[in-house]
Amino acid sequence: MQTARVAGMAVMGALLLLASEGAGAQKAQIPRFASIAASEAMMRTGPGRNFPAKWRYRRADLPVKIVESHKDWRKVEDPQGEQGWMLGNLLSDTRTAIVTGTVAEMLAAPRFGTKVVWRAAPGVVGRISKCARGWCLFDVRGRAGYVEANRLWGADVDGQPG
């Protein structure tokens, strides 16, 4: 009887472990967009502190694309296409994007012809949400409006934030 109870607990533990790994596997989808969480982050040439520094970023919330993972390190690509390795704890799942090209109009609703509520210059970084049908709600420090997803590096091609 005791053996059956121990075996049952072992099976239950294994099922819980599999369920948690499944949830983690969804979150760990690669490639995916993320953002720099730290006010200063170092990009290195390889996945370890012993590799030389390639770039130093001093811009929290800058979007990056995670293209590979190795233990605590993530290989990322920045908006200019530079790739290198960052410690995973310097990154956040908070979705941000950066305006590319020319000035982006931030509209009151996700469709052309609606009121322009703000304008964002190239290089402006903001948080994105509510992405659908090629538009994302883009929030720059409390000033929000809908921007075409193809104007934002950090929004997927179909406009989805993740």
C-alpha atoms as a PDB file:
ATOM      1  CA  MET A   1       0.000   0.000   0.000  1.00  0.00           C
ATOM      2  CA  GLN A   2       2.814   2.384   0.930  1.00  0.00           C
ATOM      3  CA  THR A   3       4.616   1.456  -2.314  1.00  0.00           C
ATOM      4  CA  ALA A   4       1.507   2.289  -4.372  1.00  0.00           C
ATOM      5  CA  ARG A   5       1.205   5.664  -2.629  1.00  0.00           C
ATOM      6  CA  VAL A   6       4.874   6.500  -3.307  1.00  0.00           C
ATOM      7  CA  ALA A   7       4.512   5.398  -6.945  1.00  0.00           C
ATOM      8  CA  GLY A   8       1.359   7.498  -7.311  1.00  0.00           C
ATOM      9  CA  MET A   9       3.124  10.549  -5.875  1.00  0.00           C
ATOM     10  CA  ALA A  10       6.049   9.992  -8.251  1.00  0.00           C
ATOM     11  CA  VAL A  11       3.696   9.829 -11.260  1.00  0.00           C
ATOM     12  CA  MET A  12       1.893  12.969 -10.090  1.00  0.00           C
ATOM     13  CA  GLY A  13       5.208  14.790  -9.663  1.00  0.00           C
ATOM     14  CA  ALA A  14       6.314  13.742 -13.147  1.00  0.00           C
ATOM     15  CA  LEU A  15       3.041  15.014 -14.625  1.00  0.00           C
ATOM     16  CA  LEU A  16       3.420  18.364 -12.861  1.00  0.00           C
ATOM     17  CA  LEU A  17       6.991  18.622 -14.121  1.00  0.00           C
ATOM     18  CA  LEU A  18       5.893  17.894 -17.700  1.00  0.00           C
ATOM     19  CA  ALA A  19       3.100  20.465 -17.448  1.00  0.00           C
ATOM     20  CA  SER A  20       5.471  23.155 -16.197  1.00  0.00           C
ATOM     21  CA  GLU A  21       8.024  22.323 -18.918  1.00  0.00           C
ATOM     22  CA  GLY A  22       5.289  22.629 -21.529  1.00  0.00           C
ATOM     23  CA  ALA A  23       4.403  26.116 -20.317  1.00  0.00           C
ATOM     24  CA  GLY A  24       8.078  27.087 -20.257  1.00  0.00           C
ATOM     25  CA  ALA A  25       8.578  25.730 -23.756  1.00  0.00           C
ATOM     26  CA  GLN A  26       5.854  28.036 -25.077  1.00  0.00           C
ATOM     27  CA  LYS A  27       7.459  31.045 -23.398  1.00  0.00           C
ATOM     28  CA  ALA A  28      10.905  30.053 -24.673  1.00  0.00           C
ATOM     29  CA  GLN A  29       9.858  30.109 -28.336  1.00  0.00           C
ATOM     30  CA  ILE A  30      12.731  31.248 -30.540  1.00  0.00           C
ATOM     31  CA  PRO A  31      12.941  33.572 -32.329  1.00  0.00           C
ATOM     32  CA  ARG A  32      10.913  36.027 -30.230  1.00  0.00           C
ATOM     33  CA  PHE A  33      11.026  39.693 -29.338  1.00  0.00           C
ATOM     34  CA  ALA A  34      11.999  40.968 -25.900  1.00  0.00           C
ATOM     35  CA  SER A  35      13.453  44.198 -24.510  1.00  0.00           C
ATOM     36  CA  ILE A  36      16.478  45.252 -22.521  1.00  0.00           C
ATOM     37  CA  ALA A  37      15.426  45.467 -18.870  1.00  0.00           C
ATOM     38  CA  ALA A  38      18.593  47.023 -17.438  1.00  0.00           C
ATOM     39  CA  SER A  39      19.660  50.652 -17.767  1.00  0.00           C
ATOM     40  CA  GLU A  40      23.000  49.295 -18.995  1.00  0.00           C
ATOM     41  CA  ALA A  41      23.571  45.978 -20.755  1.00  0.00           C
ATOM     42  CA  MET A  42      26.630  44.462 -22.389  1.00  0.00           C
ATOM     43  CA  MET A  43      26.486  42.506 -25.644  1.00  0.00           C
ATOM     44  CA  ARG A  44      29.316  39.983 -25.903  1.00  0.00           C
ATOM     45  CA  THR A  45      30.783  37.935 -28.738  1.00  0.00           C
ATOM     46  CA  GLY A  46      29.896  34.661 -26.991  1.00  0.00           C
ATOM     47  CA  PRO A  47      27.746  33.230 -24.187  1.00  0.00           C
ATOM     48  CA  GLY A  48      29.946  34.016 -21.179  1.00  0.00           C
ATOM     49  CA  ARG A  49      31.599  36.844 -19.255  1.00  0.00           C
ATOM     50  CA  ASN A  50      34.968  35.648 -20.560  1.00  0.00           C
ATOM     51  CA  PHE A  51      34.002  36.674 -24.126  1.00  0.00           C
ATOM     52  CA  PRO A  52      34.907  40.208 -25.230  1.00  0.00           C
ATOM     53  CA  ALA A  53      32.315  42.976 -25.057  1.00  0.00           C
ATOM     54  CA  LYS A  54      30.920  43.945 -28.440  1.00  0.00           C
ATOM     55  CA  TRP A  55      28.461  46.725 -27.531  1.00  0.00           C
ATOM     56  CA  ARG A  56      27.284  48.508 -24.393  1.00  0.00           C
ATOM     57  CA  TYR A  57      23.614  49.487 -24.432  1.00  0.00           C
ATOM     58  CA  ARG A  58      22.438  52.329 -22.217  1.00  0.00           C
ATOM     59  CA  ARG A  59      18.801  52.319 -23.203  1.00  0.00           C
ATOM     60  CA  ALA A  60      16.353  50.333 -21.123  1.00  0.00           C
ATOM     61  CA  ASP A  61      13.311  49.090 -23.087  1.00  0.00           C
ATOM     62  CA  LEU A  62      15.219  48.881 -26.379  1.00  0.00           C
ATOM     63  CA  PRO A  63      13.639  45.993 -28.316  1.00  0.00           C
ATOM     64  CA  VAL A  64      15.773  43.005 -29.250  1.00  0.00           C
ATOM     65  CA  LYS A  65      15.054  39.738 -30.988  1.00  0.00           C
ATOM     66  CA  ILE A  66      16.174  36.588 -29.189  1.00  0.00           C
ATOM     67  CA  VAL A  67      17.524  34.240 -31.851  1.00  0.00           C
ATOM     68  CA  GLU A  68      19.272  31.597 -29.719  1.00  0.00           C
ATOM     69  CA  SER A  69      19.536  30.474 -26.110  1.00  0.00           C
ATOM     70  CA  HIS A  70      22.412  28.851 -24.199  1.00  0.00           C
ATOM     71  CA  LYS A  71      22.013  28.305 -20.439  1.00  0.00           C
ATOM     72  CA  ASP A  72      21.659  31.784 -18.850  1.00  0.00           C
ATOM     73  CA  TRP A  73      22.660  33.578 -22.061  1.00  0.00           C
ATOM     74  CA  ARG A  74      20.577  34.766 -25.015  1.00  0.00           C
ATOM     75  CA  LYS A  75      21.864  35.545 -28.487  1.00  0.00           C
ATOM     76  CA  VAL A  76      20.047  38.715 -29.514  1.00  0.00           C
ATOM     77  CA  GLU A  77      19.730  40.920 -32.548  1.00  0.00           C
ATOM     78  CA  ASP A  78      19.290  44.663 -32.089  1.00  0.00           C
ATOM     79  CA  PRO A  79      17.275  46.999 -34.378  1.00  0.00           C
ATOM     80  CA  GLN A  80      20.391  47.670 -36.515  1.00  0.00           C
ATOM     81  CA  GLY A  81      20.948  43.954 -37.112  1.00  0.00           C
ATOM     82  CA  GLU A  82      23.925  43.548 -34.740  1.00  0.00           C
ATOM     83  CA  GLN A  83      24.004  40.145 -33.060  1.00  0.00           C
ATOM     84  CA  GLY A  84      25.694  39.066 -29.852  1.00  0.00           C
ATOM     85  CA  TRP A  85      25.105  37.485 -26.455  1.00  0.00           C
ATOM     86  CA  MET A  86      23.479  38.983 -23.345  1.00  0.00           C
ATOM     87  CA  LEU A  87      22.757  37.554 -19.939  1.00  0.00           C
ATOM     88  CA  GLY A  88      19.115  36.513 -19.816  1.00  0.00           C
ATOM     89  CA  ASN A  89      18.467  38.452 -16.604  1.00  0.00           C
ATOM     90  CA  LEU A  90      19.232  41.704 -18.482  1.00  0.00           C
ATOM     91  CA  LEU A  91      16.223  41.058 -20.725  1.00  0.00           C
ATOM     92  CA  SER A  92      12.494  41.362 -20.184  1.00  0.00           C
ATOM     93  CA  ASP A  93       9.432  39.858 -21.856  1.00  0.00           C
ATOM     94  CA  THR A  94       7.940  43.378 -21.907  1.00  0.00           C
ATOM     95  CA  ARG A  95       7.152  44.095 -25.538  1.00  0.00           C
ATOM     96  CA  THR A  96       8.601  47.273 -26.935  1.00  0.00           C
ATOM     97  CA  ALA A  97       9.247  48.547 -30.441  1.00  0.00           C
ATOM     98  CA  ILE A  98      11.245  51.308 -32.130  1.00  0.00           C
ATOM     99  CA  VAL A  99       9.984  53.588 -34.896  1.00  0.00           C
ATOM    100  CA  THR A 100      11.798  53.039 -38.196  1.00  0.00           C
ATOM    101  CA  GLY A 101      11.886  55.048 -41.409  1.00  0.00           C
ATOM    102  CA  THR A 102      10.185  58.434 -41.164  1.00  0.00           C
ATOM    103  CA  VAL A 103       7.930  60.032 -38.544  1.00  0.00           C
ATOM    104  CA  ALA A 104       5.122  57.645 -37.562  1.00  0.00           C
ATOM    105  CA  GLU A 105       1.630  58.993 -37.007  1.00  0.00           C
ATOM    106  CA  MET A 106      -0.003  57.644 -33.860  1.00  0.00           C
ATOM    107  CA  LEU A 107      -3.739  57.410 -34.574  1.00  0.00           C
ATOM    108  CA  ALA A 108      -6.789  57.380 -32.287  1.00  0.00           C
ATOM    109  CA  ALA A 109      -7.996  54.086 -33.791  1.00  0.00           C
ATOM    110  CA  PRO A 110      -6.327  51.249 -35.730  1.00  0.00           C
ATOM    111  CA  ARG A 111      -7.349  52.443 -39.201  1.00  0.00           C
ATOM    112  CA  PHE A 112      -6.411  55.145 -41.686  1.00  0.00           C
ATOM    113  CA  GLY A 113      -8.375  58.375 -41.673  1.00  0.00           C
ATOM    114  CA  THR A 114      -8.739  58.620 -37.903  1.00  0.00           C
ATOM    115  CA  LYS A 115      -7.424  61.506 -35.810  1.00  0.00           C
ATOM    116  CA  VAL A 116      -3.652  61.814 -35.399  1.00  0.00           C
ATOM    117  CA  VAL A 117      -3.080  62.027 -31.627  1.00  0.00           C
ATOM    118  CA  TRP A 118       0.737  62.053 -31.601  1.00  0.00           C
ATOM    119  CA  ARG A 119       3.705  61.713 -33.910  1.00  0.00           C
ATOM    120  CA  ALA A 120       6.810  59.685 -33.133  1.00  0.00           C
ATOM    121  CA  ALA A 121      10.188  60.352 -34.726  1.00  0.00           C
ATOM    122  CA  PRO A 122      12.438  57.563 -35.984  1.00  0.00           C
ATOM    123  CA  GLY A 123      14.301  56.019 -33.068  1.00  0.00           C
ATOM    124  CA  VAL A 124      11.525  56.584 -30.536  1.00  0.00           C
ATOM    125  CA  VAL A 125      10.960  53.524 -28.338  1.00  0.00           C
ATOM    126  CA  GLY A 126       7.603  52.645 -26.804  1.00  0.00           C
ATOM    127  CA  ARG A 127       5.636  49.721 -25.455  1.00  0.00           C
ATOM    128  CA  ILE A 128       3.355  47.816 -27.807  1.00  0.00           C
ATOM    129  CA  SER A 129       0.113  45.965 -27.178  1.00  0.00           C
ATOM    130  CA  LYS A 130      -3.230  45.230 -28.815  1.00  0.00           C
ATOM    131  CA  CYS A 131      -1.648  44.289 -32.126  1.00  0.00           C
ATOM    132  CA  ALA A 132      -4.083  43.116 -34.781  1.00  0.00           C
ATOM    133  CA  ARG A 133      -4.584  43.410 -38.543  1.00  0.00           C
ATOM    134  CA  GLY A 134      -1.294  45.255 -39.070  1.00  0.00           C
ATOM    135  CA  TRP A 135      -1.663  47.838 -36.259  1.00  0.00           C
ATOM    136  CA  CYS A 136      -0.230  48.063 -32.736  1.00  0.00           C
ATOM    137  CA  LEU A 137      -1.111  50.314 -29.830  1.00  0.00           C
ATOM    138  CA  PHE A 138       2.163  52.177 -29.247  1.00  0.00           C
ATOM    139  CA  ASP A 139       2.665  53.873 -25.875  1.00  0.00           C
ATOM    140  CA  VAL A 140       5.518  56.306 -25.328  1.00  0.00           C
ATOM    141  CA  ARG A 141       5.503  57.292 -21.644  1.00  0.00           C
ATOM    142  CA  GLY A 142       1.717  57.595 -21.454  1.00  0.00           C
ATOM    143  CA  ARG A 143       1.198  59.058 -24.916  1.00  0.00           C
ATOM    144  CA  ALA A 144      -0.462  56.326 -26.918  1.00  0.00           C
ATOM    145  CA  GLY A 145      -1.873  55.803 -30.369  1.00  0.00           C
ATOM    146  CA  TYR A 146      -2.128  53.126 -33.043  1.00  0.00           C
ATOM    147  CA  VAL A 147       0.813  52.768 -35.424  1.00  0.00           C
ATOM    148  CA  GLU A 148       1.147  50.543 -38.469  1.00  0.00           C
ATOM    149  CA  ALA A 149       3.087  47.474 -37.342  1.00  0.00           C
ATOM    150  CA  ASN A 150       5.377  47.655 -40.389  1.00  0.00           C
ATOM    151  CA  ARG A 151       6.658  51.027 -39.075  1.00  0.00           C
ATOM    152  CA  LEU A 152       7.838  49.423 -35.834  1.00  0.00           C
ATOM    153  CA  TRP A 153      10.866  47.183 -35.379  1.00  0.00           C
ATOM    154  CA  GLY A 154       9.822  44.802 -32.628  1.00  0.00           C
ATOM    155  CA  ALA A 155       6.364  43.968 -33.922  1.00  0.00           C
ATOM    156  CA  ASP A 156       6.162  40.761 -35.911  1.00  0.00           C
ATOM    157  CA  VAL A 157       5.384  40.967 -39.628  1.00  0.00           C
ATOM    158  CA  ASP A 158       1.740  40.057 -39.005  1.00  0.00           C
ATOM    159  CA  GLY A 159       1.579  42.726 -36.298  1.00  0.00           C
ATOM    160  CA  GLN A 160       1.401  40.326 -33.370  1.00  0.00           C
ATOM    161  CA  PRO A 161       3.423  41.305 -30.310  1.00  0.00           C
ATOM    162  CA  GLY A 162       4.734  37.894 -29.517  1.00  0.00           C
END
